[in-house]
PDB file of N, CA and C in Angstrom:
ATOM      1  N   UNK A   1       0.485  -1.230   0.152  1.00  0.00           N
ATOM      2  CA  UNK A   1       0.015  -0.189  -0.421  1.00  0.00           C
ATOM      3  C   UNK A   1       0.823   1.100  -0.022  1.00  0.00           C
ATOM      4  N   UNK A   2       0.682   2.315  -0.440  1.00  0.00           N
ATOM      5  CA  UNK A   2       1.398   3.745  -0.776  1.00  0.00           C
ATOM      6  C   UNK A   2       1.383   4.428   0.431  1.00  0.00           C
ATOM      7  N   UNK A   3       2.369   5.004   0.620  1.00  0.00           N
ATOM      8  CA  UNK A   3       2.537   5.666   2.168  1.00  0.00           C
ATOM      9  C   UNK A   3       1.702   7.050   1.791  1.00  0.00           C
ATOM     10  N   UNK A   4       0.273   7.561   2.146  1.00  0.00           N
ATOM     11  CA  UNK A   4      -0.457   8.945   2.797  1.00  0.00           C
ATOM     12  C   UNK A   4       0.376   9.730   2.669  1.00  0.00           C
ATOM     13  N   UNK A   5       1.458   9.977   3.202  1.00  0.00           N
ATOM     14  CA  UNK A   5       2.507  10.678   3.568  1.00  0.00           C
ATOM     15  C   UNK A   5       3.704  11.268   2.111  1.00  0.00           C
ATOM     16  N   UNK A   6       3.386   9.715   1.629  1.00  0.00           N
ATOM     17  CA  UNK A   6       4.993  10.241   0.475  1.00  0.00           C
ATOM     18  C   UNK A   6       4.542  11.144  -0.798  1.00  0.00           C
ATOM     19  N   UNK A   7       5.475  12.036  -0.936  1.00  0.00           N
ATOM     20  CA  UNK A   7       4.778  13.067  -2.112  1.00  0.00           C
ATOM     21  C   UNK A   7       5.345  12.802  -3.324  1.00  0.00           C
ATOM     22  N   UNK A   8       4.450  13.608  -4.607  1.00  0.00           N
ATOM     23  CA  UNK A   8       4.168  12.999  -5.915  1.00  0.00           C
ATOM     24  C   UNK A   8       5.141  13.948  -6.545  1.00  0.00           C
ATOM     25  N   UNK A   9       6.133  13.757  -7.455  1.00  0.00           N
ATOM     26  CA  UNK A   9       6.820  14.298  -8.455  1.00  0.00           C
ATOM     27  C   UNK A   9       6.445  14.172  -9.676  1.00  0.00           C
ATOM     28  N   UNK A  10       5.534  14.925 -10.004  1.00  0.00           N
ATOM     29  CA  UNK A  10       5.474  15.041 -11.938  1.00  0.00           C
ATOM     30  C   UNK A  10       6.298  15.542 -12.427  1.00  0.00           C
ATOM     31  N   UNK A  11       7.197  15.005 -12.899  1.00  0.00           N
ATOM     32  CA  UNK A  11       8.577  15.230 -14.619  1.00  0.00           C
ATOM     33  C   UNK A  11       7.943  15.199 -15.635  1.00  0.00           C
ATOM     34  N   UNK A  12       8.163  16.604 -15.866  1.00  0.00           N
ATOM     35  CA  UNK A  12       7.748  17.306 -17.642  1.00  0.00           C
ATOM     36  C   UNK A  12       8.621  16.361 -18.677  1.00  0.00           C
ATOM     37  N   UNK A  13       8.111  16.148 -19.311  1.00  0.00           N
ATOM     38  CA  UNK A  13       9.192  14.893 -20.802  1.00  0.00           C
ATOM     39  C   UNK A  13       9.146  15.810 -22.174  1.00  0.00           C
ATOM     40  N   UNK A  14      10.586  15.999 -22.263  1.00  0.00           N
ATOM     41  CA  UNK A  14      10.483  16.446 -23.762  1.00  0.00           C
ATOM     42  C   UNK A  14      11.472  16.148 -24.691  1.00  0.00           C
ATOM     43  N   UNK A  15      10.648  16.376 -25.869  1.00  0.00           N
ATOM     44  CA  UNK A  15      11.546  16.095 -27.413  1.00  0.00           C
ATOM     45  C   UNK A  15      12.062  14.672 -27.218  1.00  0.00           C
ATOM     46  N   UNK A  16      12.980  13.878 -27.347  1.00  0.00           N
ATOM     47  CA  UNK A  16      13.174  12.518 -27.815  1.00  0.00           C
ATOM     48  C   UNK A  16      12.688  11.562 -26.081  1.00  0.00           C
ATOM     49  N   UNK A  17      12.664  12.633 -24.923  1.00  0.00           N
ATOM     50  CA  UNK A  17      12.843  11.217 -23.717  1.00  0.00           C
ATOM     51  C   UNK A  17      10.989  11.065 -23.711  1.00  0.00           C
ATOM     52  N   UNK A  18      10.489  12.028 -24.445  1.00  0.00           N
ATOM     53  CA  UNK A  18       9.489  11.820 -23.761  1.00  0.00           C
ATOM     54  C   UNK A  18       8.883  10.861 -25.575  1.00  0.00           C
ATOM     55  N   UNK A  19       9.519  10.822 -26.347  1.00  0.00           N
ATOM     56  CA  UNK A  19       9.133   9.549 -26.970  1.00  0.00           C
ATOM     57  C   UNK A  19       9.586   8.384 -26.597  1.00  0.00           C
ATOM     58  N   UNK A  20      10.551   8.577 -26.043  1.00  0.00           N
ATOM     59  CA  UNK A  20      11.458   7.014 -25.427  1.00  0.00           C
ATOM     60  C   UNK A  20      10.536   6.559 -23.959  1.00  0.00           C
ATOM     61  N   UNK A  21      10.282   7.432 -23.711  1.00  0.00           N
ATOM     62  CA  UNK A  21       9.103   6.850 -22.304  1.00  0.00           C
ATOM     63  C   UNK A  21       7.830   7.026 -23.055  1.00  0.00           C
ATOM     64  N   UNK A  22       7.000   7.311 -24.080  1.00  0.00           N
ATOM     65  CA  UNK A  22       6.126   7.023 -24.890  1.00  0.00           C
ATOM     66  C   UNK A  22       4.871   8.140 -23.627  1.00  0.00           C
ATOM     67  N   UNK A  23       5.152   9.309 -23.247  1.00  0.00           N
ATOM     68  CA  UNK A  23       4.884  10.469 -22.486  1.00  0.00           C
ATOM     69  C   UNK A  23       5.553  11.631 -22.310  1.00  0.00           C
ATOM     70  N   UNK A  24       4.862  12.687 -21.689  1.00  0.00           N
ATOM     71  CA  UNK A  24       5.233  13.750 -21.429  1.00  0.00           C
ATOM     72  C   UNK A  24       4.972  14.571 -19.846  1.00  0.00           C
ATOM     73  N   UNK A  25       4.603  13.425 -19.124  1.00  0.00           N
ATOM     74  CA  UNK A  25       4.622  13.263 -18.129  1.00  0.00           C
ATOM     75  C   UNK A  25       4.963  12.155 -17.575  1.00  0.00           C
ATOM     76  N   UNK A  26       5.633  12.065 -16.062  1.00  0.00           N
ATOM     77  CA  UNK A  26       5.946  11.533 -15.293  1.00  0.00           C
ATOM     78  C   UNK A  26       6.451  10.953 -14.199  1.00  0.00           C
ATOM     79  N   UNK A  27       5.127  10.530 -13.822  1.00  0.00           N
ATOM     80  CA  UNK A  27       4.593  10.695 -12.022  1.00  0.00           C
ATOM     81  C   UNK A  27       5.892   9.471 -11.108  1.00  0.00           C
ATOM     82  N   UNK A  28       6.078  10.300 -10.457  1.00  0.00           N
ATOM     83  CA  UNK A  28       7.249   9.590  -9.432  1.00  0.00           C
ATOM     84  C   UNK A  28       6.674  10.142  -8.091  1.00  0.00           C
ATOM     85  N   UNK A  29       6.581   8.518  -7.089  1.00  0.00           N
ATOM     86  CA  UNK A  29       6.562   9.178  -5.450  1.00  0.00           C
ATOM     87  C   UNK A  29       7.698   9.458  -4.818  1.00  0.00           C
ATOM     88  N   UNK A  30       7.984  10.114  -4.072  1.00  0.00           N
ATOM     89  CA  UNK A  30       8.305  10.611  -3.090  1.00  0.00           C
ATOM     90  C   UNK A  30       8.893  10.350  -1.492  1.00  0.00           C
ATOM     91  N   UNK A  31       9.845  10.485  -0.325  1.00  0.00           N
ATOM     92  CA  UNK A  31       9.947  10.095   0.290  1.00  0.00           C
ATOM     93  C   UNK A  31       9.034  10.627   0.788  1.00  0.00           C
ATOM     94  N   UNK A  32       8.707  10.095   2.054  1.00  0.00           N
ATOM     95  CA  UNK A  32       7.508  11.189   2.908  1.00  0.00           C
ATOM     96  C   UNK A  32       8.235  11.426   3.354  1.00  0.00           C
ATOM     97  N   UNK A  33       8.192  13.225   3.490  1.00  0.00           N
ATOM     98  CA  UNK A  33       8.700  13.951   4.406  1.00  0.00           C
ATOM     99  C   UNK A  33       9.709  14.585   4.499  1.00  0.00           C
ATOM    100  N   UNK A  34      11.007  13.538   3.061  1.00  0.00           N
ATOM    101  CA  UNK A  34      12.310  13.596   2.802  1.00  0.00           C
ATOM    102  C   UNK A  34      12.323  14.499   1.918  1.00  0.00           C
ATOM    103  N   UNK A  35      13.550  15.112   2.243  1.00  0.00           N
ATOM    104  CA  UNK A  35      14.142  15.905   1.415  1.00  0.00           C
ATOM    105  C   UNK A  35      14.491  14.950  -0.215  1.00  0.00           C
ATOM    106  N   UNK A  36      14.431  15.230  -1.745  1.00  0.00           N
ATOM    107  CA  UNK A  36      15.249  14.590  -2.770  1.00  0.00           C
ATOM    108  C   UNK A  36      16.076  15.465  -3.206  1.00  0.00           C
ATOM    109  N   UNK A  37      17.364  15.326  -3.887  1.00  0.00           N
ATOM    110  CA  UNK A  37      18.070  15.673  -4.564  1.00  0.00           C
ATOM    111  C   UNK A  37      17.973  16.237  -5.773  1.00  0.00           C
ATOM    112  N   UNK A  38      18.540  17.116  -7.254  1.00  0.00           N
ATOM    113  CA  UNK A  38      18.560  16.524  -8.205  1.00  0.00           C
ATOM    114  C   UNK A  38      19.015  15.959  -8.412  1.00  0.00           C
ATOM    115  N   UNK A  39      19.879  14.965  -8.244  1.00  0.00           N
ATOM    116  CA  UNK A  39      20.595  13.989  -8.600  1.00  0.00           C
ATOM    117  C   UNK A  39      19.722  12.468  -7.746  1.00  0.00           C
ATOM    118  N   UNK A  40      19.504  12.688  -7.155  1.00  0.00           N
ATOM    119  CA  UNK A  40      18.658  11.417  -6.685  1.00  0.00           C
ATOM    120  C   UNK A  40      16.826  11.598  -6.978  1.00  0.00           C
ATOM    121  N   UNK A  41      17.055  12.634  -8.218  1.00  0.00           N
ATOM    122  CA  UNK A  41      15.516  12.760  -8.924  1.00  0.00           C
ATOM    123  C   UNK A  41      16.052  11.776 -10.079  1.00  0.00           C
ATOM    124  N   UNK A  42      16.988  12.161 -10.798  1.00  0.00           N
ATOM    125  CA  UNK A  42      17.599  11.948 -11.950  1.00  0.00           C
ATOM    126  C   UNK A  42      17.629   9.696 -11.876  1.00  0.00           C
ATOM    127  N   UNK A  43      18.335   9.557 -10.408  1.00  0.00           N
ATOM    128  CA  UNK A  43      18.240   8.337 -10.608  1.00  0.00           C
ATOM    129  C   UNK A  43      16.867   7.387 -10.798  1.00  0.00           C
ATOM    130  N   UNK A  44      15.987   8.457  -9.405  1.00  0.00           N
ATOM    131  CA  UNK A  44      15.006   7.447  -9.362  1.00  0.00           C
ATOM    132  C   UNK A  44      14.269   7.471 -10.891  1.00  0.00           C
ATOM    133  N   UNK A  45      14.151   8.872 -12.086  1.00  0.00           N
ATOM    134  CA  UNK A  45      13.711   8.417 -12.893  1.00  0.00           C
ATOM    135  C   UNK A  45      14.360   7.463 -14.007  1.00  0.00           C
ATOM    136  N   UNK A  46      15.519   7.023 -14.269  1.00  0.00           N
ATOM    137  CA  UNK A  46      15.929   5.802 -14.634  1.00  0.00           C
ATOM    138  C   UNK A  46      15.466   4.875 -14.027  1.00  0.00           C
ATOM    139  N   UNK A  47      15.292   4.302 -12.484  1.00  0.00           N
ATOM    140  CA  UNK A  47      14.645   3.713 -11.991  1.00  0.00           C
ATOM    141  C   UNK A  47      13.496   3.370 -12.474  1.00  0.00           C
ATOM    142  N   UNK A  48      12.488   4.215 -12.074  1.00  0.00           N
ATOM    143  CA  UNK A  48      10.745   4.466 -12.918  1.00  0.00           C
ATOM    144  C   UNK A  48      10.224   4.137 -14.237  1.00  0.00           C
ATOM    145  N   UNK A  49      11.829   3.827 -15.564  1.00  0.00           N
ATOM    146  CA  UNK A  49      11.236   4.230 -16.684  1.00  0.00           C
ATOM    147  C   UNK A  49      12.869   3.829 -17.310  1.00  0.00           C
ATOM    148  N   UNK A  50      12.935   2.499 -17.580  1.00  0.00           N
ATOM    149  CA  UNK A  50      13.929   2.018 -17.788  1.00  0.00           C
ATOM    150  C   UNK A  50      14.202   2.411 -19.369  1.00  0.00           C
ATOM    151  N   UNK A  51      13.454   3.407 -20.163  1.00  0.00           N
ATOM    152  CA  UNK A  51      13.498   3.911 -21.269  1.00  0.00           C
ATOM    153  C   UNK A  51      14.674   4.775 -20.999  1.00  0.00           C
ATOM    154  N   UNK A  52      15.140   5.701 -20.220  1.00  0.00           N
ATOM    155  CA  UNK A  52      15.578   6.481 -19.664  1.00  0.00           C
ATOM    156  C   UNK A  52      16.088   6.880 -19.177  1.00  0.00           C
ATOM    157  N   UNK A  53      16.798   5.547 -19.016  1.00  0.00           N
ATOM    158  CA  UNK A  53      17.997   5.001 -17.849  1.00  0.00           C
ATOM    159  C   UNK A  53      19.008   5.602 -18.865  1.00  0.00           C
ATOM    160  N   UNK A  54      19.594   5.548 -20.852  1.00  0.00           N
ATOM    161  CA  UNK A  54      20.512   5.655 -20.550  1.00  0.00           C
ATOM    162  C   UNK A  54      20.818   6.724 -21.119  1.00  0.00           C
ATOM    163  N   UNK A  55      19.474   8.356 -21.071  1.00  0.00           N
ATOM    164  CA  UNK A  55      19.963   9.434 -21.277  1.00  0.00           C
ATOM    165  C   UNK A  55      20.250  10.490 -19.696  1.00  0.00           C
ATOM    166  N   UNK A  56      19.402   9.363 -18.737  1.00  0.00           N
ATOM    167  CA  UNK A  56      19.190  10.054 -17.291  1.00  0.00           C
ATOM    168  C   UNK A  56      20.576  10.918 -16.983  1.00  0.00           C
ATOM    169  N   UNK A  57      22.022  10.117 -17.150  1.00  0.00           N
ATOM    170  CA  UNK A  57      23.579  11.187 -16.524  1.00  0.00           C
ATOM    171  C   UNK A  57      23.816  12.002 -17.103  1.00  0.00           C
ATOM    172  N   UNK A  58      23.080  12.212 -18.307  1.00  0.00           N
ATOM    173  CA  UNK A  58      23.682  13.412 -19.256  1.00  0.00           C
ATOM    174  C   UNK A  58      22.467  14.413 -19.340  1.00  0.00           C
ATOM    175  N   UNK A  59      21.332  14.238 -18.047  1.00  0.00           N
ATOM    176  CA  UNK A  59      20.522  14.976 -18.306  1.00  0.00           C
ATOM    177  C   UNK A  59      20.213  15.836 -16.794  1.00  0.00           C
ATOM    178  N   UNK A  60      19.671  16.854 -16.873  1.00  0.00           N
ATOM    179  CA  UNK A  60      19.538  18.148 -16.006  1.00  0.00           C
ATOM    180  C   UNK A  60      17.876  17.985 -15.594  1.00  0.00           C
ATOM    181  N   UNK A  61      17.595  18.194 -14.044  1.00  0.00           N
ATOM    182  CA  UNK A  61      16.197  18.633 -13.420  1.00  0.00           C
ATOM    183  C   UNK A  61      16.121  20.170 -13.111  1.00  0.00           C
ATOM    184  N   UNK A  62      15.257  20.377 -13.840  1.00  0.00           N
ATOM    185  CA  UNK A  62      14.606  21.843 -13.891  1.00  0.00           C
ATOM    186  C   UNK A  62      13.254  22.010 -13.344  1.00  0.00           C
ATOM    187  N   UNK A  63      13.666  23.325 -12.050  1.00  0.00           N
ATOM    188  CA  UNK A  63      12.779  23.672 -11.152  1.00  0.00           C
ATOM    189  C   UNK A  63      12.068  24.984 -11.513  1.00  0.00           C
ATOM    190  N   UNK A  64      10.782  25.146 -12.168  1.00  0.00           N
ATOM    191  CA  UNK A  64      10.597  26.484 -12.642  1.00  0.00           C
ATOM    192  C   UNK A  64      11.611  27.420 -13.417  1.00  0.00           C
ATOM    193  N   UNK A  65      11.970  26.704 -14.427  1.00  0.00           N
ATOM    194  CA  UNK A  65      12.667  27.044 -15.613  1.00  0.00           C
ATOM    195  C   UNK A  65      14.340  27.667 -14.681  1.00  0.00           C
ATOM    196  N   UNK A  66      14.501  26.625 -14.265  1.00  0.00           N
ATOM    197  CA  UNK A  66      16.452  27.003 -14.106  1.00  0.00           C
ATOM    198  C   UNK A  66      16.624  25.548 -13.397  1.00  0.00           C
ATOM    199  N   UNK A  67      17.521  25.481 -13.740  1.00  0.00           N
ATOM    200  CA  UNK A  67      18.235  24.424 -14.242  1.00  0.00           C
ATOM    201  C   UNK A  67      19.156  23.519 -12.778  1.00  0.00           C
ATOM    202  N   UNK A  68      18.885  23.348 -12.102  1.00  0.00           N
ATOM    203  CA  UNK A  68      19.654  22.290 -10.741  1.00  0.00           C
ATOM    204  C   UNK A  68      21.219  21.742 -10.819  1.00  0.00           C
ATOM    205  N   UNK A  69      21.090  21.937  -9.798  1.00  0.00           N
ATOM    206  CA  UNK A  69      22.945  20.938  -9.049  1.00  0.00           C
ATOM    207  C   UNK A  69      21.873  19.848  -8.663  1.00  0.00           C
ATOM    208  N   UNK A  70      23.202  18.830  -8.942  1.00  0.00           N
ATOM    209  CA  UNK A  70      22.758  17.556  -8.054  1.00  0.00           C
ATOM    210  C   UNK A  70      22.723  17.790  -6.933  1.00  0.00           C
ATOM    211  N   UNK A  71      23.012  18.382  -6.262  1.00  0.00           N
ATOM    212  CA  UNK A  71      22.967  18.808  -4.952  1.00  0.00           C
ATOM    213  C   UNK A  71      21.534  19.537  -4.303  1.00  0.00           C
ATOM    214  N   UNK A  72      20.919  20.626  -5.181  1.00  0.00           N
ATOM    215  CA  UNK A  72      19.890  20.771  -5.092  1.00  0.00           C
ATOM    216  C   UNK A  72      18.181  20.419  -4.021  1.00  0.00           C
ATOM    217  N   UNK A  73      18.323  21.030  -3.663  1.00  0.00           N
ATOM    218  CA  UNK A  73      17.119  19.803  -3.412  1.00  0.00           C
ATOM    219  C   UNK A  73      15.570  20.377  -4.117  1.00  0.00           C
ATOM    220  N   UNK A  74      14.951  19.768  -5.075  1.00  0.00           N
ATOM    221  CA  UNK A  74      13.928  19.407  -5.536  1.00  0.00           C
ATOM    222  C   UNK A  74      12.413  19.680  -5.135  1.00  0.00           C
ATOM    223  N   UNK A  75      12.024  20.810  -5.514  1.00  0.00           N
ATOM    224  CA  UNK A  75      10.383  21.576  -4.651  1.00  0.00           C
ATOM    225  C   UNK A  75       8.757  20.698  -5.537  1.00  0.00           C
ATOM    226  N   UNK A  76       8.678  19.517  -4.265  1.00  0.00           N
ATOM    227  CA  UNK A  76       7.835  18.353  -5.490  1.00  0.00           C
ATOM    228  C   UNK A  76       6.177  19.319  -5.852  1.00  0.00           C
ATOM    229  N   UNK A  77       6.465  20.739  -5.096  1.00  0.00           N
ATOM    230  CA  UNK A  77       4.857  21.417  -5.230  1.00  0.00           C
ATOM    231  C   UNK A  77       5.553  22.336  -6.562  1.00  0.00           C
ATOM    232  N   UNK A  78       6.716  21.836  -7.257  1.00  0.00           N
ATOM    233  CA  UNK A  78       6.805  22.949  -8.345  1.00  0.00           C
ATOM    234  C   UNK A  78       7.253  22.928  -9.528  1.00  0.00           C
ATOM    235  N   UNK A  79       7.612  23.291 -10.649  1.00  0.00           N
ATOM    236  CA  UNK A  79       7.227  22.363 -11.934  1.00  0.00           C
ATOM    237  C   UNK A  79       8.445  22.256 -12.651  1.00  0.00           C
ATOM    238  N   UNK A  80       8.612  21.001 -12.484  1.00  0.00           N
ATOM    239  CA  UNK A  80       9.831  19.985 -12.527  1.00  0.00           C
ATOM    240  C   UNK A  80      10.352  19.429 -14.279  1.00  0.00           C
ATOM    241  N   UNK A  81      11.362  19.546 -14.579  1.00  0.00           N
ATOM    242  CA  UNK A  81      11.289  19.086 -16.546  1.00  0.00           C
ATOM    243  C   UNK A  81      12.459  18.573 -16.273  1.00  0.00           C
ATOM    244  N   UNK A  82      12.329  17.571 -16.805  1.00  0.00           N
ATOM    245  CA  UNK A  82      13.668  17.051 -17.434  1.00  0.00           C
ATOM    246  C   UNK A  82      14.268  17.310 -19.060  1.00  0.00           C
ATOM    247  N   UNK A  83      16.023  17.917 -18.783  1.00  0.00           N
ATOM    248  CA  UNK A  83      16.351  18.246 -19.868  1.00  0.00           C
ATOM    249  C   UNK A  83      17.250  17.768 -20.233  1.00  0.00           C
ATOM    250  N   UNK A  84      16.822  16.933 -21.712  1.00  0.00           N
ATOM    251  CA  UNK A  84      18.182  16.439 -21.946  1.00  0.00           C
ATOM    252  C   UNK A  84      19.192  16.686 -22.348  1.00  0.00           C
ATOM    253  N   UNK A  85      20.251  16.340 -22.618  1.00  0.00           N
ATOM    254  CA  UNK A  85      21.319  16.228 -23.421  1.00  0.00           C
ATOM    255  C   UNK A  85      21.363  17.294 -24.903  1.00  0.00           C
ATOM    256  N   UNK A  86      21.982  18.542 -25.092  1.00  0.00           N
ATOM    257  CA  UNK A  86      21.250  19.117 -26.145  1.00  0.00           C
ATOM    258  C   UNK A  86      23.016  19.193 -26.936  1.00  0.00           C
ATOM    259  N   UNK A  87      22.733  18.915 -28.666  1.00  0.00           N
ATOM    260  CA  UNK A  87      24.198  18.964 -29.115  1.00  0.00           C
ATOM    261  C   UNK A  87      23.268  19.905 -30.128  1.00  0.00           C
ATOM    262  N   UNK A  88      25.127  21.034 -30.411  1.00  0.00           N
ATOM    263  CA  UNK A  88      24.796  21.041 -31.463  1.00  0.00           C
ATOM    264  C   UNK A  88      25.673  22.074 -31.679  1.00  0.00           C
ATOM    265  N   UNK A  89      25.887  22.659 -33.163  1.00  0.00           N
ATOM    266  CA  UNK A  89      26.849  23.450 -33.116  1.00  0.00           C
ATOM    267  C   UNK A  89      26.637  24.809 -33.729  1.00  0.00           C
TER     268      UNK A  89
END
């Protein structure tokens, strides 16, 4: 049974990552009352959606349009997005 005190993260997906996942939003459970860092959230994304496991380590987490460092805490109430590696010249 799910923990009623657990937080839920809604992570928006874009471009190739949304195509790989087959959806535009990934819903993840977080720990009850515990803080989750951007790095931990990337690990959780890779576990929850194996199709994203290869791209997750090179991706970044953005909260309210601001890219976070791996040690930054993610607010589950904010707009959370997975930003894939962008290449180009």
